[in-house]
Protein backbone atom coordinates (compact mmCIF):
# COMPACT_ATOMS: atom_id res chain seq x y z
CA MET A 1 41.60 -29.84 -71.76
CA GLN A 2 38.74 -31.50 -69.85
CA LYS A 3 39.17 -29.02 -66.97
CA LEU A 4 39.11 -26.05 -69.35
CA TYR A 5 35.91 -27.35 -70.97
CA LYS A 6 34.32 -27.84 -67.53
CA GLU A 7 35.24 -24.29 -66.44
CA PHE A 8 33.87 -22.82 -69.68
CA LYS A 9 30.65 -24.84 -69.34
CA GLU A 10 30.17 -23.56 -65.77
CA PHE A 11 30.76 -20.00 -66.94
CA ALA A 12 28.60 -20.16 -70.07
CA PHE A 13 25.64 -21.88 -68.48
CA SER A 14 25.68 -20.38 -65.02
CA GLY A 15 22.63 -18.49 -63.83
CA ASN A 16 24.46 -15.17 -63.97
CA ILE A 17 25.27 -15.32 -67.68
CA ILE A 18 21.74 -16.43 -68.52
CA ALA A 19 20.30 -13.57 -66.46
CA LEU A 20 22.68 -11.19 -68.20
CA ALA A 21 21.57 -12.42 -71.62
CA VAL A 22 17.91 -12.00 -70.69
CA ALA A 23 18.63 -8.52 -69.36
CA PHE A 24 20.40 -7.60 -72.60
CA VAL A 25 17.46 -8.75 -74.74
CA MET A 26 14.98 -6.95 -72.49
CA ALA A 27 17.08 -3.78 -72.62
CA ALA A 28 17.12 -3.88 -76.42
CA ALA A 29 13.34 -4.27 -76.50
CA PHE A 30 12.94 -1.51 -73.92
CA LYS A 31 15.15 0.76 -76.02
CA ASP A 32 12.90 0.21 -79.04
CA LEU A 33 9.87 0.98 -76.91
CA VAL A 34 11.38 4.20 -75.56
CA THR A 35 12.61 5.21 -79.02
CA ALA A 36 9.06 4.84 -80.35
CA LEU A 37 7.74 6.83 -77.38
CA VAL A 38 10.22 9.64 -77.99
CA ASP A 39 9.78 9.69 -81.78
CA GLN A 40 6.00 9.26 -81.87
CA VAL A 41 4.79 11.01 -78.70
CA VAL A 42 7.39 13.26 -77.05
CA MET A 43 8.88 14.89 -80.12
CA PRO A 44 5.47 15.77 -81.67
CA ILE A 45 4.63 17.48 -78.37
CA VAL A 46 7.95 19.32 -78.66
CA GLY A 47 6.84 20.26 -82.19
CA ILE A 48 3.63 21.74 -80.82
CA VAL A 49 5.54 23.79 -78.26
CA PHE A 50 8.57 24.84 -80.34
CA GLY A 51 7.16 24.66 -83.87
CA GLN A 52 9.40 21.76 -84.97
CA PRO A 53 8.81 18.07 -84.22
CA SER A 54 12.54 17.44 -83.91
CA PHE A 55 15.59 19.36 -82.84
CA ASN A 56 17.70 17.70 -85.57
CA GLY A 57 17.34 20.68 -87.92
CA LEU A 58 18.83 23.14 -85.43
CA THR A 59 22.33 24.16 -86.45
CA LEU A 60 24.85 26.84 -85.76
CA THR A 61 27.29 28.02 -88.43
CA VAL A 62 30.65 29.41 -87.36
CA ASN A 63 33.37 30.12 -89.93
CA ASP A 64 31.91 27.74 -92.52
CA SER A 65 31.62 24.97 -89.90
CA ILE A 66 28.18 23.65 -89.14
CA ILE A 67 27.47 22.58 -85.59
CA TYR A 68 24.48 20.24 -85.37
CA TYR A 69 23.49 20.92 -81.77
CA GLY A 70 19.87 19.96 -82.48
CA ALA A 71 20.79 16.30 -82.90
CA PHE A 72 22.47 16.46 -79.50
CA LEU A 73 19.33 17.97 -77.94
CA THR A 74 17.23 15.17 -79.46
CA ALA A 75 19.64 12.61 -77.99
CA VAL A 76 19.36 14.31 -74.58
CA VAL A 77 15.55 14.09 -74.72
CA ALA A 78 15.81 10.39 -75.66
CA PHE A 79 18.26 9.75 -72.82
CA LEU A 80 16.01 11.48 -70.30
CA ALA A 81 13.04 9.44 -71.51
CA VAL A 82 15.03 6.22 -71.07
CA ALA A 83 16.21 7.30 -67.62
CA VAL A 84 12.67 8.14 -66.51
CA GLY A 85 11.37 4.85 -67.90
CA VAL A 86 14.07 2.79 -66.20
CA PHE A 87 13.53 4.59 -62.91
CA PHE A 88 9.75 4.25 -62.82
CA PHE A 89 9.42 0.80 -64.37
CA ILE A 90 12.50 -1.01 -63.02
CA VAL A 91 14.26 0.80 -60.16
CA LYS A 92 11.22 2.01 -58.21
CA PRO A 93 9.30 -1.33 -58.30
CA TYR A 94 12.49 -3.17 -57.31
CA ARG A 95 13.02 -0.86 -54.34
CA VAL A 96 9.42 -1.41 -53.24
CA TYR A 97 10.00 -5.17 -53.51
CA GLN A 98 13.23 -4.93 -51.50
CA ASP A 99 11.49 -2.90 -48.79
CA ARG A 100 8.67 -5.43 -48.62
CA VAL A 101 11.11 -8.32 -48.28
CA ALA A 102 13.19 -6.47 -45.67
CA SER A 103 10.13 -5.68 -43.55
CA GLY A 104 8.97 -9.29 -43.61
CA GLU A 105 5.82 -8.67 -45.62
CA GLU A 106 6.74 -11.53 -47.91
CA GLU A 107 3.79 -13.79 -48.44
CA ALA A 108 3.90 -17.03 -46.48
CA PRO A 109 4.00 -20.13 -48.63
CA ALA A 110 0.60 -21.63 -49.26
CA ALA A 111 -0.34 -24.66 -47.18
CA PRO A 112 0.07 -27.92 -49.09
CA PRO A 113 -3.08 -29.55 -50.43
CA GLU A 114 -4.77 -32.30 -48.43
CA ASP A 115 -3.49 -35.11 -50.65
CA VAL A 116 0.11 -33.95 -50.15
CA LYS A 117 -0.43 -33.82 -46.38
CA LEU A 118 -1.84 -37.34 -46.44
CA LEU A 119 1.06 -38.66 -48.51
CA THR A 120 3.52 -36.98 -46.14
CA GLU A 121 1.86 -38.64 -43.15
CA ILE A 122 1.98 -42.03 -44.90
CA ARG A 123 5.68 -41.52 -45.71
CA ASP A 124 6.47 -40.54 -42.13
CA ALA A 125 4.54 -43.57 -40.77
CA LEU A 126 6.42 -45.91 -43.12
CA LEU A 127 9.75 -44.43 -42.06
CA LYS A 128 8.94 -45.01 -38.37
CA SER A 129 8.15 -48.70 -38.88
């Protein structure tokens, strides 16, 4: 039982699961942001162009069956907005960062302050004696 608890603790509190949880929360917040962008900015522009602020009202009736293809078009616009947002705000900056790291343009660590240098010298002198 102790081993099972230890394995679960390693799984539940490992860096990967924490990063996954943070990513999930950020994705939910990003979804709300993109939904607001689509509903409040993109779809009114669609309304200016097409005369309706949403595609949800577009239907097709065939043999007493109503096909709500407008809702699908609205979902496609929302998906494209999310895809564009993820690409420009997550994927592209990450690729730039990876290229910078690969080319060695990573910033060198800052030199330690004078007091840290002095303490290091004192430590090294004490170790020698």
